[in-house]
Protein backbone atom coordinates (compact mmCIF):
# COMPACT_ATOMS: atom_id res chain seq x y z
CA MET A 1 11.60 -32.88 22.85
CA THR A 2 12.84 -36.26 21.50
CA THR A 3 14.55 -37.51 18.81
CA ARG A 4 14.72 -41.54 17.75
CA GLY A 5 17.64 -43.36 16.27
CA VAL A 6 20.09 -46.16 15.84
CA LEU A 7 23.50 -47.06 16.88
CA TYR A 8 25.44 -50.08 14.56
CA VAL A 9 28.41 -51.75 15.83
CA HIS A 10 29.35 -53.37 12.95
CA SER A 11 32.60 -54.47 14.75
CA ALA A 12 34.59 -55.00 18.22
CA PRO A 13 36.79 -57.60 19.45
CA ARG A 14 35.01 -59.55 21.92
CA ALA A 15 36.99 -57.62 25.34
CA LEU A 16 35.58 -54.13 23.62
CA CYS A 17 31.92 -55.40 23.39
CA PRO A 18 31.27 -55.00 27.34
CA HIS A 19 32.87 -51.55 27.18
CA VAL A 20 31.26 -50.00 24.72
CA GLU A 21 27.80 -51.38 26.41
CA TRP A 22 29.01 -49.52 29.41
CA ALA A 23 29.51 -46.32 27.10
CA VAL A 24 26.34 -46.84 25.51
CA ALA A 25 24.93 -46.76 28.76
CA GLY A 26 26.68 -43.65 30.29
CA VAL A 27 25.15 -42.10 27.60
CA LEU A 28 21.67 -43.25 27.39
CA GLY A 29 21.71 -42.93 31.81
CA GLY A 30 20.64 -46.79 31.88
CA ARG A 31 21.54 -50.42 31.68
CA VAL A 32 22.72 -51.26 28.83
CA ASP A 33 22.99 -55.02 27.74
CA LEU A 34 23.30 -55.56 24.04
CA ASP A 35 22.72 -58.68 22.00
CA TRP A 36 25.90 -59.41 20.41
CA VAL A 37 26.46 -61.92 17.40
CA ARG A 38 29.21 -62.36 15.47
CA GLN A 39 30.54 -60.45 12.32
CA PRO A 40 31.39 -62.72 9.66
CA ALA A 41 33.28 -59.71 7.53
CA ALA A 42 36.17 -59.45 10.13
CA PRO A 43 36.16 -62.64 12.15
CA GLY A 44 36.40 -62.92 15.53
CA THR A 45 34.94 -59.59 15.93
CA TRP A 46 30.91 -59.27 17.45
CA ARG A 47 28.12 -56.84 15.94
CA ALA A 48 25.10 -55.54 18.12
CA GLU A 49 22.19 -52.48 17.45
CA PHE A 50 19.75 -50.91 18.62
CA SER A 51 17.13 -47.93 18.21
CA TRP A 52 16.57 -45.48 20.79
CA GLN A 53 14.92 -42.31 21.80
CA ALA A 54 16.19 -39.41 23.19
CA GLY A 55 16.87 -35.88 23.26
CA PRO A 56 18.40 -34.37 20.86
CA GLY A 57 22.32 -34.27 20.59
CA THR A 58 22.19 -37.92 22.23
CA ALA A 59 23.62 -39.32 18.27
CA ALA A 60 26.56 -37.02 18.95
CA LYS A 61 27.23 -38.04 22.50
CA LEU A 62 27.24 -41.69 21.87
CA ALA A 63 29.71 -41.36 18.89
CA SER A 64 31.95 -39.41 21.36
CA ALA A 65 31.61 -41.92 23.51
CA LEU A 66 32.53 -44.23 21.31
CA ARG A 67 35.21 -42.82 18.68
CA GLY A 68 38.06 -42.82 21.10
CA TRP A 69 38.44 -47.09 20.02
CA GLN A 70 40.55 -47.58 17.21
CA GLN A 71 39.34 -51.34 16.83
CA LEU A 72 35.67 -50.40 16.83
CA ARG A 73 33.59 -49.87 13.05
CA PHE A 74 29.82 -47.65 13.47
CA GLU A 75 27.22 -46.04 12.92
CA VAL A 76 25.02 -43.16 14.96
CA THR A 77 21.77 -42.37 13.22
CA ALA A 78 19.15 -39.39 14.88
CA GLU A 79 15.96 -38.96 12.80
CA PRO A 80 15.33 -35.48 12.17
CA SER A 81 12.51 -33.73 14.51
CA ALA A 82 10.36 -30.67 14.45
CA ALA A 83 13.27 -28.56 16.21
CA THR A 84 16.18 -30.19 14.87
CA GLU A 85 17.60 -31.91 11.81
CA GLY A 86 19.03 -35.76 11.64
CA GLU A 87 22.43 -36.72 11.71
CA ARG A 88 24.58 -39.45 11.21
CA TYR A 89 28.02 -40.45 12.27
CA SER A 90 30.49 -43.45 10.66
CA SER A 91 33.36 -44.45 12.16
CA THR A 92 36.26 -47.11 10.92
CA PRO A 93 39.50 -47.57 12.01
CA ARG A 94 41.21 -46.45 8.96
CA LEU A 95 39.34 -43.41 8.62
CA GLY A 96 38.18 -41.76 11.82
CA ILE A 97 34.91 -40.27 12.33
CA PHE A 98 32.67 -38.94 9.66
CA HIS A 99 29.73 -36.51 10.74
CA ALA A 100 26.76 -35.46 8.06
CA VAL A 101 23.48 -33.54 8.29
CA THR A 102 20.14 -34.96 7.25
CA GLY A 103 17.37 -34.16 6.05
CA ILE A 104 13.50 -35.16 6.57
CA HIS A 105 13.92 -38.00 3.55
CA GLY A 106 17.81 -39.60 4.91
CA ASP A 107 19.65 -37.11 2.42
CA ILE A 108 22.81 -35.82 3.55
CA LEU A 109 22.46 -31.97 3.64
CA VAL A 110 26.16 -29.95 2.68
CA PRO A 111 26.14 -26.49 4.00
CA GLU A 112 27.77 -24.05 1.23
CA ASP A 113 30.68 -22.74 3.13
CA ARG A 114 31.74 -27.05 2.89
CA ILE A 115 30.81 -26.89 -0.73
CA ARG A 116 32.65 -23.55 -1.59
CA ALA A 117 36.08 -24.91 0.51
CA ALA A 118 36.05 -28.19 -2.11
CA MET A 119 35.02 -25.89 -4.70
CA ALA A 120 38.09 -23.97 -4.12
CA ARG A 121 40.79 -27.42 -3.23
CA ALA A 122 39.17 -28.07 -6.35
CA ALA A 123 40.56 -25.26 -8.30
CA LEU A 124 43.85 -25.08 -6.44
CA GLY A 125 44.60 -28.65 -7.92
CA GLU A 126 44.74 -29.73 -3.60
CA SER A 127 42.05 -32.43 -5.49
CA THR A 128 39.26 -33.61 -7.90
CA LEU A 129 36.24 -31.38 -7.50
CA GLU A 130 34.49 -35.12 -7.67
CA ASN A 131 36.56 -36.63 -4.96
CA GLU A 132 35.87 -33.69 -2.84
CA LEU A 133 32.36 -33.73 -2.98
CA ALA A 134 32.69 -37.97 -2.36
CA ALA A 135 34.25 -36.58 0.96
CA LEU A 136 31.60 -34.43 1.97
CA LEU A 137 28.85 -37.63 0.90
CA GLY A 138 30.87 -39.52 3.18
CA LYS A 139 31.89 -42.17 0.52
CA PRO A 140 34.94 -43.10 1.59
CA TRP A 141 33.04 -44.20 4.46
CA ASP A 142 30.22 -45.96 3.27
CA ASP A 143 32.20 -48.23 0.73
CA GLU A 144 34.53 -49.23 4.10
CA LEU A 145 31.56 -50.40 6.04
CA GLU A 146 29.13 -51.47 3.25
CA PRO A 147 30.77 -55.31 3.43
CA PHE A 148 29.92 -55.00 7.87
CA ARG A 149 26.78 -53.49 7.30
CA TYR A 150 25.45 -56.21 4.69
CA ALA A 151 26.63 -58.80 6.99
CA GLY A 152 24.39 -57.83 9.36
CA GLU A 153 21.07 -58.05 7.52
CA GLY A 154 19.35 -60.11 9.71
CA ALA A 155 20.59 -59.19 12.87
CA PRO A 156 18.06 -59.13 15.56
CA VAL A 157 17.32 -54.80 16.40
CA ARG A 158 16.70 -54.38 20.16
CA TRP A 159 14.60 -51.27 20.70
CA LEU A 160 15.73 -49.25 23.51
CA HIS A 161 13.55 -45.77 24.77
CA GLN A 162 14.33 -43.19 26.97
CA VAL A 163 12.78 -39.55 27.66
CA VAL A 164 15.20 -37.10 28.65
């Protein structure tokens, strides 16, 4: 069973780029040479993206391998397969990492216990329901990453395939 996904490195300092490649190669089990281009949304940083095909859980492994670097902005997505839901991981230096399960059409699926917890926090006055739901849907990460996504339009995408 395999799934497909995409890794978007939205911004990385030049010195970090080879380390990102090594981390991704360690997860995918083979050499990885990303095509780095300048990231105009953050001068002095670089961006890269590529598609992969591998076993379920690869998106989580990629996100885990990249999450420790505070100067890195990235997203990892995995398409749903016959046996698994899709996934999305987003990470920014300010917010840390966000994880969501996605359905066949790309919608974020929020487990009912997380919705109940959000409603409870809102009822206690700890937050508003709007803010709680925005966090469950990853809105703060989307807001922070959007300028970096837009700056990457038209960038080349490399397809990497691996069958596990």
